[in-house]
């Protein structure tokens, strides 16, 4: 441990000691408890982790058209499961997902289309561990209508959010 590292005292909120001469080197968000000796800071109380839902807009796409489902979270959320739905005849088989982007971070490891049916409500093994989207960051899911007729698609994400 160098002179500016923090000695972690456990997972619960508590006192942390900073070694070294300058308390200004303490990580942001730490504050000194009242009456504490110099060099001791207190970690802010832990935030609750919640499993929450974030809905996307609904699109009606012409045959062969591409559209983008978007959402902007109001608190940090990590994508863990994407659900897509299409009430149109043929359902999700009418669509492909060509990209998932969180801010500037693409979530696909290569280019191409993934069948939208892999993100249906009853898909097995469709969990994701995406980048965390902070408040105001746009989450964009690019979908393509691969059918020969207009079709409707919408969706939502379930993920871990901090309260």
N, C-alpha and C. Protein backbone atom coordinates (compact mmCIF):
# COMPACT_ATOMS: atom_id res chain seq x y z
N UNK A 1 0.85 -1.18 0.00
CA UNK A 1 0.00 0.00 0.00
C UNK A 1 0.90 1.24 0.00
N UNK A 2 0.68 2.14 -0.96
CA UNK A 2 1.49 3.35 -0.96
C UNK A 2 0.86 4.39 -0.04
N UNK A 3 1.48 5.56 0.07
CA UNK A 3 1.05 6.52 1.06
C UNK A 3 -0.33 7.13 0.79
N UNK A 4 -0.89 6.97 -0.42
CA UNK A 4 -2.19 7.56 -0.72
C UNK A 4 -3.31 6.54 -0.83
N UNK A 5 -3.02 5.26 -0.66
CA UNK A 5 -4.06 4.25 -0.76
C UNK A 5 -4.86 4.18 0.54
N UNK A 6 -6.07 3.69 0.41
CA UNK A 6 -6.96 3.57 1.57
C UNK A 6 -6.92 2.14 2.07
N UNK A 7 -6.85 1.99 3.37
CA UNK A 7 -6.94 0.66 3.96
C UNK A 7 -8.42 0.35 4.16
N UNK A 8 -8.95 -0.61 3.42
CA UNK A 8 -10.37 -0.95 3.50
C UNK A 8 -10.64 -1.70 4.79
N UNK A 9 -11.59 -1.23 5.56
CA UNK A 9 -11.90 -1.83 6.84
C UNK A 9 -13.09 -2.77 6.77
N UNK A 10 -13.64 -3.04 5.58
CA UNK A 10 -14.76 -3.96 5.45
C UNK A 10 -15.78 -3.44 4.45
N UNK A 11 -16.85 -4.21 4.24
CA UNK A 11 -17.88 -3.85 3.28
C UNK A 11 -18.88 -2.83 3.82
N UNK A 12 -19.02 -2.77 5.13
CA UNK A 12 -19.99 -1.85 5.70
C UNK A 12 -19.42 -0.45 5.78
N UNK A 13 -20.31 0.55 5.78
CA UNK A 13 -19.85 1.94 5.92
C UNK A 13 -19.15 2.07 7.27
N UNK A 14 -18.02 2.69 7.28
CA UNK A 14 -17.27 2.84 8.52
C UNK A 14 -16.10 3.75 8.31
N UNK A 15 -15.17 3.74 9.26
CA UNK A 15 -14.01 4.60 9.17
C UNK A 15 -12.95 3.98 8.28
N UNK A 16 -12.30 4.82 7.52
CA UNK A 16 -11.19 4.42 6.68
C UNK A 16 -10.03 5.34 7.05
N UNK A 17 -8.84 4.83 7.06
CA UNK A 17 -7.70 5.67 7.40
C UNK A 17 -6.88 5.91 6.14
N UNK A 18 -6.50 7.16 5.96
CA UNK A 18 -5.65 7.51 4.84
C UNK A 18 -4.26 7.75 5.39
N UNK A 19 -3.30 7.06 4.83
CA UNK A 19 -1.93 7.28 5.26
C UNK A 19 -1.33 8.38 4.41
N UNK A 20 -0.33 9.02 4.89
CA UNK A 20 0.29 10.12 4.16
C UNK A 20 -0.01 11.44 4.84
N UNK A 21 0.54 12.49 4.32
CA UNK A 21 0.44 13.78 4.97
C UNK A 21 -0.71 14.63 4.50
N UNK A 22 -1.25 14.35 3.33
CA UNK A 22 -2.23 15.27 2.75
C UNK A 22 -3.60 14.62 2.61
N UNK A 23 -4.55 15.02 3.42
CA UNK A 23 -5.90 14.46 3.34
C UNK A 23 -6.58 14.81 2.02
N UNK A 24 -6.07 15.82 1.33
CA UNK A 24 -6.63 16.19 0.02
C UNK A 24 -6.46 15.07 -0.99
N UNK A 25 -5.59 14.12 -0.73
CA UNK A 25 -5.40 12.99 -1.63
C UNK A 25 -6.49 11.94 -1.46
N UNK A 26 -7.40 12.16 -0.50
CA UNK A 26 -8.48 11.20 -0.27
C UNK A 26 -9.38 11.13 -1.49
N UNK A 27 -9.91 9.93 -1.79
CA UNK A 27 -10.83 9.81 -2.91
C UNK A 27 -12.06 10.69 -2.71
N UNK A 28 -12.63 11.15 -3.83
CA UNK A 28 -13.83 11.99 -3.76
C UNK A 28 -14.96 11.24 -3.07
N UNK A 29 -15.81 11.97 -2.39
CA UNK A 29 -16.97 11.38 -1.74
C UNK A 29 -16.73 10.99 -0.30
N UNK A 30 -15.50 11.05 0.16
CA UNK A 30 -15.21 10.72 1.55
C UNK A 30 -15.16 12.00 2.35
N UNK A 31 -15.69 11.96 3.57
CA UNK A 31 -15.73 13.14 4.43
C UNK A 31 -15.20 12.78 5.81
N UNK A 32 -14.69 13.77 6.51
CA UNK A 32 -14.17 13.53 7.85
C UNK A 32 -15.32 13.51 8.84
N UNK A 33 -15.38 12.48 9.72
CA UNK A 33 -16.40 12.48 10.77
C UNK A 33 -16.10 13.57 11.78
N UNK A 34 -17.15 14.11 12.43
CA UNK A 34 -16.98 15.16 13.41
C UNK A 34 -16.07 14.69 14.54
N UNK A 35 -15.06 15.51 14.86
CA UNK A 35 -14.16 15.20 15.96
C UNK A 35 -13.11 14.15 15.63
N UNK A 36 -13.01 13.73 14.38
CA UNK A 36 -12.04 12.69 14.01
C UNK A 36 -10.63 13.28 13.97
N UNK A 37 -9.65 12.48 14.32
CA UNK A 37 -8.27 12.96 14.22
C UNK A 37 -7.90 13.18 12.75
N UNK A 38 -6.91 14.01 12.49
CA UNK A 38 -6.49 14.25 11.11
C UNK A 38 -6.14 12.94 10.40
N UNK A 39 -6.53 12.83 9.15
CA UNK A 39 -6.20 11.66 8.35
C UNK A 39 -7.26 10.58 8.37
N UNK A 40 -8.34 10.75 9.15
CA UNK A 40 -9.41 9.76 9.19
C UNK A 40 -10.62 10.32 8.45
N UNK A 41 -11.17 9.53 7.58
CA UNK A 41 -12.35 9.95 6.84
C UNK A 41 -13.41 8.88 6.92
N UNK A 42 -14.65 9.24 6.64
CA UNK A 42 -15.76 8.30 6.68
C UNK A 42 -16.32 8.16 5.28
N UNK A 43 -16.53 6.92 4.87
CA UNK A 43 -17.13 6.66 3.57
C UNK A 43 -18.61 7.04 3.61
N UNK A 44 -19.16 7.60 2.52
CA UNK A 44 -20.58 7.89 2.52
C UNK A 44 -21.39 6.61 2.71
N UNK A 45 -22.61 6.71 3.23
CA UNK A 45 -23.41 5.50 3.45
C UNK A 45 -23.61 4.75 2.13
N UNK A 46 -23.67 3.42 2.20
CA UNK A 46 -23.84 2.65 0.97
C UNK A 46 -25.20 2.94 0.33
N UNK A 47 -25.24 2.87 -0.99
CA UNK A 47 -26.48 3.07 -1.72
C UNK A 47 -27.13 1.71 -1.94
N UNK A 48 -28.45 1.69 -1.93
CA UNK A 48 -29.17 0.43 -2.14
C UNK A 48 -29.11 0.04 -3.61
N UNK A 49 -28.88 -1.23 -3.87
CA UNK A 49 -28.92 -1.76 -5.23
C UNK A 49 -30.31 -2.34 -5.45
N UNK A 50 -30.95 -1.91 -6.52
CA UNK A 50 -32.30 -2.35 -6.82
C UNK A 50 -32.35 -2.97 -8.21
N UNK A 51 -33.19 -3.96 -8.39
CA UNK A 51 -33.47 -4.49 -9.72
C UNK A 51 -34.66 -3.71 -10.25
N UNK A 52 -34.45 -2.92 -11.31
CA UNK A 52 -35.50 -2.05 -11.80
C UNK A 52 -35.70 -2.19 -13.31
N UNK A 53 -36.80 -1.65 -13.77
CA UNK A 53 -37.18 -1.70 -15.18
C UNK A 53 -37.07 -0.33 -15.81
N UNK A 54 -36.62 -0.30 -17.06
CA UNK A 54 -36.55 0.94 -17.82
C UNK A 54 -37.18 0.68 -19.20
N UNK A 55 -38.34 1.28 -19.48
CA UNK A 55 -38.99 1.05 -20.77
C UNK A 55 -38.37 1.87 -21.90
N UNK A 56 -38.55 1.38 -23.11
CA UNK A 56 -38.12 2.08 -24.32
C UNK A 56 -39.36 2.56 -25.07
N UNK A 57 -39.13 3.43 -26.06
CA UNK A 57 -40.21 3.87 -26.92
C UNK A 57 -40.68 2.72 -27.79
N UNK A 58 -41.82 2.90 -28.46
CA UNK A 58 -42.35 1.91 -29.40
C UNK A 58 -42.21 2.47 -30.80
N UNK A 59 -41.85 1.61 -31.74
CA UNK A 59 -41.68 2.03 -33.13
C UNK A 59 -42.59 1.24 -34.05
N UNK A 60 -43.05 1.89 -35.10
CA UNK A 60 -43.71 1.21 -36.21
C UNK A 60 -42.78 1.40 -37.40
N UNK A 61 -42.25 0.29 -37.91
CA UNK A 61 -41.27 0.36 -39.00
C UNK A 61 -41.83 -0.25 -40.28
N UNK A 62 -41.59 0.42 -41.39
CA UNK A 62 -41.97 -0.11 -42.70
C UNK A 62 -41.10 -1.33 -43.00
N UNK A 63 -41.51 -2.13 -43.96
CA UNK A 63 -40.73 -3.30 -44.37
C UNK A 63 -39.32 -2.89 -44.75
N UNK A 64 -38.33 -3.56 -44.18
CA UNK A 64 -36.93 -3.28 -44.47
C UNK A 64 -36.35 -2.06 -43.79
N UNK A 65 -37.15 -1.32 -43.03
CA UNK A 65 -36.69 -0.09 -42.38
C UNK A 65 -35.92 -0.39 -41.09
N UNK A 66 -35.07 0.56 -40.73
CA UNK A 66 -34.30 0.49 -39.50
C UNK A 66 -34.77 1.60 -38.57
N UNK A 67 -34.85 1.31 -37.28
CA UNK A 67 -35.25 2.30 -36.29
C UNK A 67 -34.45 2.11 -35.02
N UNK A 68 -34.57 3.08 -34.12
CA UNK A 68 -33.80 3.04 -32.87
C UNK A 68 -34.74 3.19 -31.68
N UNK A 69 -34.73 2.19 -30.81
CA UNK A 69 -35.43 2.27 -29.53
C UNK A 69 -34.49 3.01 -28.59
N UNK A 70 -34.99 4.04 -27.89
CA UNK A 70 -34.11 4.82 -27.01
C UNK A 70 -34.71 5.00 -25.63
N UNK A 71 -33.82 5.24 -24.68
CA UNK A 71 -34.21 5.57 -23.31
C UNK A 71 -33.06 6.33 -22.67
N UNK A 72 -33.38 7.19 -21.70
CA UNK A 72 -32.39 7.90 -20.91
C UNK A 72 -32.71 7.69 -19.44
N UNK A 73 -31.89 6.91 -18.74
CA UNK A 73 -32.18 6.64 -17.33
C UNK A 73 -32.05 7.90 -16.47
N UNK A 74 -32.78 7.92 -15.39
CA UNK A 74 -32.73 9.03 -14.44
C UNK A 74 -31.82 8.73 -13.25
N UNK A 75 -31.35 7.49 -13.16
CA UNK A 75 -30.34 7.09 -12.17
C UNK A 75 -29.51 5.98 -12.81
N UNK A 76 -28.30 5.72 -12.31
CA UNK A 76 -27.45 4.71 -12.94
C UNK A 76 -28.14 3.35 -13.01
N UNK A 77 -27.96 2.67 -14.15
CA UNK A 77 -28.51 1.32 -14.32
C UNK A 77 -27.57 0.52 -15.20
N UNK A 78 -27.37 -0.73 -14.84
CA UNK A 78 -26.58 -1.65 -15.66
C UNK A 78 -27.54 -2.61 -16.34
N UNK A 79 -27.45 -2.70 -17.65
CA UNK A 79 -28.31 -3.61 -18.40
C UNK A 79 -27.99 -5.05 -18.05
N UNK A 80 -29.03 -5.80 -17.68
CA UNK A 80 -28.84 -7.20 -17.35
C UNK A 80 -29.78 -8.10 -18.15
N UNK A 81 -30.86 -7.54 -18.63
CA UNK A 81 -31.78 -8.32 -19.46
C UNK A 81 -32.57 -7.37 -20.34
N UNK A 82 -32.59 -7.63 -21.63
CA UNK A 82 -33.35 -6.84 -22.59
C UNK A 82 -34.55 -7.65 -23.02
N UNK A 83 -35.72 -7.03 -22.97
CA UNK A 83 -36.96 -7.65 -23.43
C UNK A 83 -37.49 -6.86 -24.61
N UNK A 84 -37.76 -7.54 -25.71
CA UNK A 84 -38.40 -6.91 -26.86
C UNK A 84 -39.75 -7.57 -27.07
N UNK A 85 -40.69 -6.80 -27.64
CA UNK A 85 -42.02 -7.33 -27.89
C UNK A 85 -42.56 -6.72 -29.17
N UNK A 86 -43.31 -7.52 -29.91
CA UNK A 86 -43.95 -7.04 -31.12
C UNK A 86 -45.35 -7.63 -31.20
N UNK A 87 -46.39 -6.77 -31.11
CA UNK A 87 -47.76 -7.26 -31.20
C UNK A 87 -48.19 -7.56 -32.65
N UNK A 88 -47.34 -7.23 -33.60
CA UNK A 88 -47.65 -7.45 -35.00
C UNK A 88 -47.64 -8.95 -35.31
N UNK A 89 -48.48 -9.38 -36.25
CA UNK A 89 -48.47 -10.79 -36.67
C UNK A 89 -47.06 -11.18 -37.07
N UNK A 90 -46.59 -12.30 -36.59
CA UNK A 90 -45.22 -12.73 -36.84
C UNK A 90 -44.30 -12.38 -35.69
N UNK A 91 -44.72 -11.43 -34.85
CA UNK A 91 -43.98 -11.07 -33.65
C UNK A 91 -42.53 -10.68 -33.89
N UNK A 92 -41.67 -11.12 -32.99
CA UNK A 92 -40.27 -10.74 -33.04
C UNK A 92 -39.52 -11.35 -34.22
N UNK A 93 -40.10 -12.37 -34.86
CA UNK A 93 -39.42 -12.94 -36.03
C UNK A 93 -39.37 -11.93 -37.17
N UNK A 94 -40.11 -10.83 -37.06
CA UNK A 94 -40.08 -9.75 -38.05
C UNK A 94 -38.86 -8.86 -37.90
N UNK A 95 -38.11 -9.02 -36.81
CA UNK A 95 -37.05 -8.05 -36.48
C UNK A 95 -35.70 -8.69 -36.23
N UNK A 96 -34.66 -7.88 -36.41
CA UNK A 96 -33.30 -8.23 -36.02
C UNK A 96 -32.76 -7.04 -35.23
N UNK A 97 -31.85 -7.30 -34.31
CA UNK A 97 -31.19 -6.26 -33.54
C UNK A 97 -29.79 -6.10 -34.13
N UNK A 98 -29.48 -4.90 -34.62
CA UNK A 98 -28.18 -4.70 -35.26
C UNK A 98 -27.17 -4.00 -34.36
N UNK A 99 -27.63 -3.43 -33.26
CA UNK A 99 -26.68 -2.77 -32.36
C UNK A 99 -27.36 -2.40 -31.05
N UNK A 100 -26.60 -2.44 -29.98
CA UNK A 100 -27.01 -1.91 -28.68
C UNK A 100 -25.89 -0.99 -28.26
N UNK A 101 -26.21 0.28 -28.00
CA UNK A 101 -25.19 1.27 -27.64
C UNK A 101 -25.61 1.97 -26.34
N UNK A 102 -24.67 2.07 -25.41
CA UNK A 102 -24.89 2.81 -24.17
C UNK A 102 -23.93 3.98 -24.20
N UNK A 103 -24.47 5.18 -24.40
CA UNK A 103 -23.61 6.35 -24.60
C UNK A 103 -22.83 6.15 -25.88
N UNK A 104 -21.51 6.04 -25.78
CA UNK A 104 -20.67 5.79 -26.95
C UNK A 104 -20.14 4.35 -26.97
N UNK A 105 -20.57 3.53 -26.00
CA UNK A 105 -20.05 2.17 -25.86
C UNK A 105 -20.95 1.15 -26.52
N UNK A 106 -20.44 0.53 -27.60
CA UNK A 106 -21.21 -0.52 -28.26
C UNK A 106 -21.17 -1.79 -27.41
N UNK A 107 -22.28 -2.49 -27.35
CA UNK A 107 -22.38 -3.70 -26.55
C UNK A 107 -22.20 -4.97 -27.38
N UNK A 108 -22.22 -4.84 -28.70
CA UNK A 108 -21.93 -5.98 -29.58
C UNK A 108 -20.42 -6.03 -29.78
N UNK A 109 -19.86 -7.22 -29.87
CA UNK A 109 -18.42 -7.35 -30.06
C UNK A 109 -18.04 -7.40 -31.54
N UNK A 110 -19.01 -7.46 -32.41
CA UNK A 110 -18.76 -7.37 -33.84
C UNK A 110 -20.02 -6.85 -34.53
N UNK A 111 -19.92 -6.58 -35.83
CA UNK A 111 -21.08 -6.09 -36.57
C UNK A 111 -21.93 -7.26 -37.03
N UNK A 112 -23.18 -6.97 -37.30
CA UNK A 112 -24.10 -8.00 -37.77
C UNK A 112 -25.44 -7.87 -37.09
N UNK A 113 -26.37 -8.70 -37.49
CA UNK A 113 -27.71 -8.70 -36.93
C UNK A 113 -27.93 -9.92 -36.05
N UNK A 114 -28.49 -9.69 -34.87
CA UNK A 114 -28.90 -10.77 -33.98
C UNK A 114 -30.42 -10.89 -34.09
N UNK A 115 -30.96 -12.09 -34.11
CA UNK A 115 -32.41 -12.22 -34.18
C UNK A 115 -33.06 -11.63 -32.93
N UNK A 116 -34.08 -10.81 -33.13
CA UNK A 116 -34.75 -10.17 -32.00
C UNK A 116 -35.41 -11.19 -31.08
N UNK A 117 -35.74 -12.35 -31.61
CA UNK A 117 -36.42 -13.38 -30.81
C UNK A 117 -35.54 -13.81 -29.62
N UNK A 118 -34.22 -13.61 -29.71
CA UNK A 118 -33.37 -13.98 -28.57
C UNK A 118 -33.59 -13.06 -27.38
N UNK A 119 -34.33 -11.96 -27.56
CA UNK A 119 -34.63 -11.04 -26.47
C UNK A 119 -36.12 -11.08 -26.10
N UNK A 120 -36.78 -12.19 -26.41
CA UNK A 120 -38.20 -12.33 -26.05
C UNK A 120 -38.32 -12.59 -24.54
N UNK A 121 -39.54 -12.44 -24.02
CA UNK A 121 -39.75 -12.61 -22.58
C UNK A 121 -39.43 -14.01 -22.11
N UNK A 122 -39.55 -15.01 -22.97
CA UNK A 122 -39.32 -16.39 -22.55
C UNK A 122 -38.01 -16.97 -23.07
N UNK A 123 -37.10 -16.10 -23.54
CA UNK A 123 -35.80 -16.57 -24.00
C UNK A 123 -34.99 -17.10 -22.82
N UNK A 124 -34.24 -18.15 -23.06
CA UNK A 124 -33.42 -18.76 -22.02
C UNK A 124 -31.97 -18.35 -22.24
N UNK A 125 -31.28 -18.00 -21.16
CA UNK A 125 -29.87 -17.64 -21.24
C UNK A 125 -29.62 -16.33 -21.95
N UNK A 126 -30.57 -15.40 -21.89
CA UNK A 126 -30.44 -14.12 -22.59
C UNK A 126 -29.98 -13.00 -21.68
N UNK A 127 -29.30 -13.35 -20.59
CA UNK A 127 -28.82 -12.31 -19.68
C UNK A 127 -27.66 -11.55 -20.30
N UNK A 128 -27.57 -10.28 -19.97
CA UNK A 128 -26.50 -9.42 -20.43
C UNK A 128 -25.77 -8.88 -19.21
N UNK A 129 -24.60 -8.39 -19.42
CA UNK A 129 -23.90 -7.62 -18.39
C UNK A 129 -23.29 -6.44 -19.12
N UNK A 130 -24.15 -5.48 -19.40
CA UNK A 130 -23.75 -4.33 -20.20
C UNK A 130 -23.06 -3.27 -19.38
N UNK A 131 -22.62 -2.25 -20.08
CA UNK A 131 -22.02 -1.08 -19.47
C UNK A 131 -23.06 -0.38 -18.60
N UNK A 132 -22.66 0.23 -17.52
CA UNK A 132 -23.58 1.00 -16.68
C UNK A 132 -23.91 2.32 -17.37
N UNK A 133 -25.20 2.61 -17.49
CA UNK A 133 -25.65 3.88 -18.07
C UNK A 133 -25.91 4.85 -16.94
N UNK A 134 -25.22 5.96 -16.94
CA UNK A 134 -25.44 6.99 -15.94
C UNK A 134 -26.59 7.89 -16.35
N UNK A 135 -27.14 8.67 -15.43
CA UNK A 135 -28.28 9.53 -15.76
C UNK A 135 -28.00 10.41 -16.98
N UNK A 136 -28.98 10.46 -17.87
CA UNK A 136 -28.90 11.29 -19.06
C UNK A 136 -28.20 10.65 -20.25
N UNK A 137 -27.51 9.52 -20.04
CA UNK A 137 -26.84 8.82 -21.14
C UNK A 137 -27.91 8.11 -21.96
N UNK A 138 -27.81 8.20 -23.27
CA UNK A 138 -28.79 7.56 -24.15
C UNK A 138 -28.44 6.09 -24.35
N UNK A 139 -29.42 5.25 -24.14
CA UNK A 139 -29.30 3.83 -24.48
C UNK A 139 -30.08 3.65 -25.78
N UNK A 140 -29.42 3.15 -26.80
CA UNK A 140 -30.02 3.03 -28.12
C UNK A 140 -29.92 1.59 -28.62
N UNK A 141 -31.07 1.04 -29.02
CA UNK A 141 -31.12 -0.30 -29.57
C UNK A 141 -31.59 -0.17 -31.02
N UNK A 142 -30.71 -0.49 -31.96
CA UNK A 142 -31.05 -0.39 -33.37
C UNK A 142 -31.70 -1.68 -33.82
N UNK A 143 -32.91 -1.56 -34.36
CA UNK A 143 -33.67 -2.72 -34.83
C UNK A 143 -33.97 -2.56 -36.32
N UNK A 144 -34.08 -3.70 -37.00
CA UNK A 144 -34.36 -3.73 -38.43
C UNK A 144 -35.60 -4.59 -38.65
N UNK A 145 -36.55 -4.06 -39.41
CA UNK A 145 -37.73 -4.84 -39.78
C UNK A 145 -37.32 -5.71 -40.98
N UNK A 146 -37.14 -6.99 -40.75
CA UNK A 146 -36.70 -7.91 -41.81
C UNK A 146 -37.87 -8.56 -42.53
N UNK A 147 -39.09 -8.18 -42.16
CA UNK A 147 -40.27 -8.76 -42.81
C UNK A 147 -40.65 -7.95 -44.05
N UNK A 148 -41.66 -8.41 -44.74
CA UNK A 148 -42.12 -7.73 -45.94
C UNK A 148 -43.29 -6.81 -45.69
N UNK A 149 -43.60 -6.48 -44.44
CA UNK A 149 -44.75 -5.64 -44.11
C UNK A 149 -44.40 -4.73 -42.93
N UNK A 150 -45.15 -3.65 -42.74
CA UNK A 150 -44.92 -2.80 -41.56
C UNK A 150 -45.10 -3.62 -40.27
N UNK A 151 -44.32 -3.30 -39.25
CA UNK A 151 -44.40 -4.02 -37.99
C UNK A 151 -44.05 -3.09 -36.84
N UNK A 152 -44.59 -3.42 -35.66
CA UNK A 152 -44.41 -2.63 -34.44
C UNK A 152 -43.49 -3.37 -33.48
N UNK A 153 -42.60 -2.62 -32.81
CA UNK A 153 -41.70 -3.21 -31.81
C UNK A 153 -41.50 -2.23 -30.66
N UNK A 154 -41.33 -2.76 -29.48
CA UNK A 154 -41.05 -1.98 -28.28
C UNK A 154 -40.22 -2.83 -27.35
N UNK A 155 -39.87 -2.29 -26.21
CA UNK A 155 -39.08 -3.09 -25.29
C UNK A 155 -38.83 -2.41 -23.96
N UNK A 156 -38.08 -3.12 -23.13
CA UNK A 156 -37.70 -2.62 -21.81
C UNK A 156 -36.43 -3.36 -21.38
N UNK A 157 -35.76 -2.80 -20.40
CA UNK A 157 -34.56 -3.39 -19.81
C UNK A 157 -34.83 -3.60 -18.34
N UNK A 158 -34.30 -4.69 -17.82
CA UNK A 158 -34.24 -4.90 -16.38
C UNK A 158 -32.77 -4.88 -16.02
N UNK A 159 -32.43 -4.15 -14.97
CA UNK A 159 -31.03 -4.07 -14.58
C UNK A 159 -30.88 -3.62 -13.15
N UNK A 160 -29.66 -3.62 -12.68
CA UNK A 160 -29.35 -3.16 -11.34
C UNK A 160 -29.19 -1.65 -11.36
N UNK A 161 -29.91 -1.01 -10.46
CA UNK A 161 -29.87 0.45 -10.36
C UNK A 161 -29.49 0.82 -8.93
N UNK A 162 -28.86 1.98 -8.78
CA UNK A 162 -28.50 2.46 -7.46
C UNK A 162 -29.46 3.54 -7.02
N UNK A 163 -29.98 3.41 -5.82
CA UNK A 163 -30.90 4.41 -5.29
C UNK A 163 -30.14 5.44 -4.51
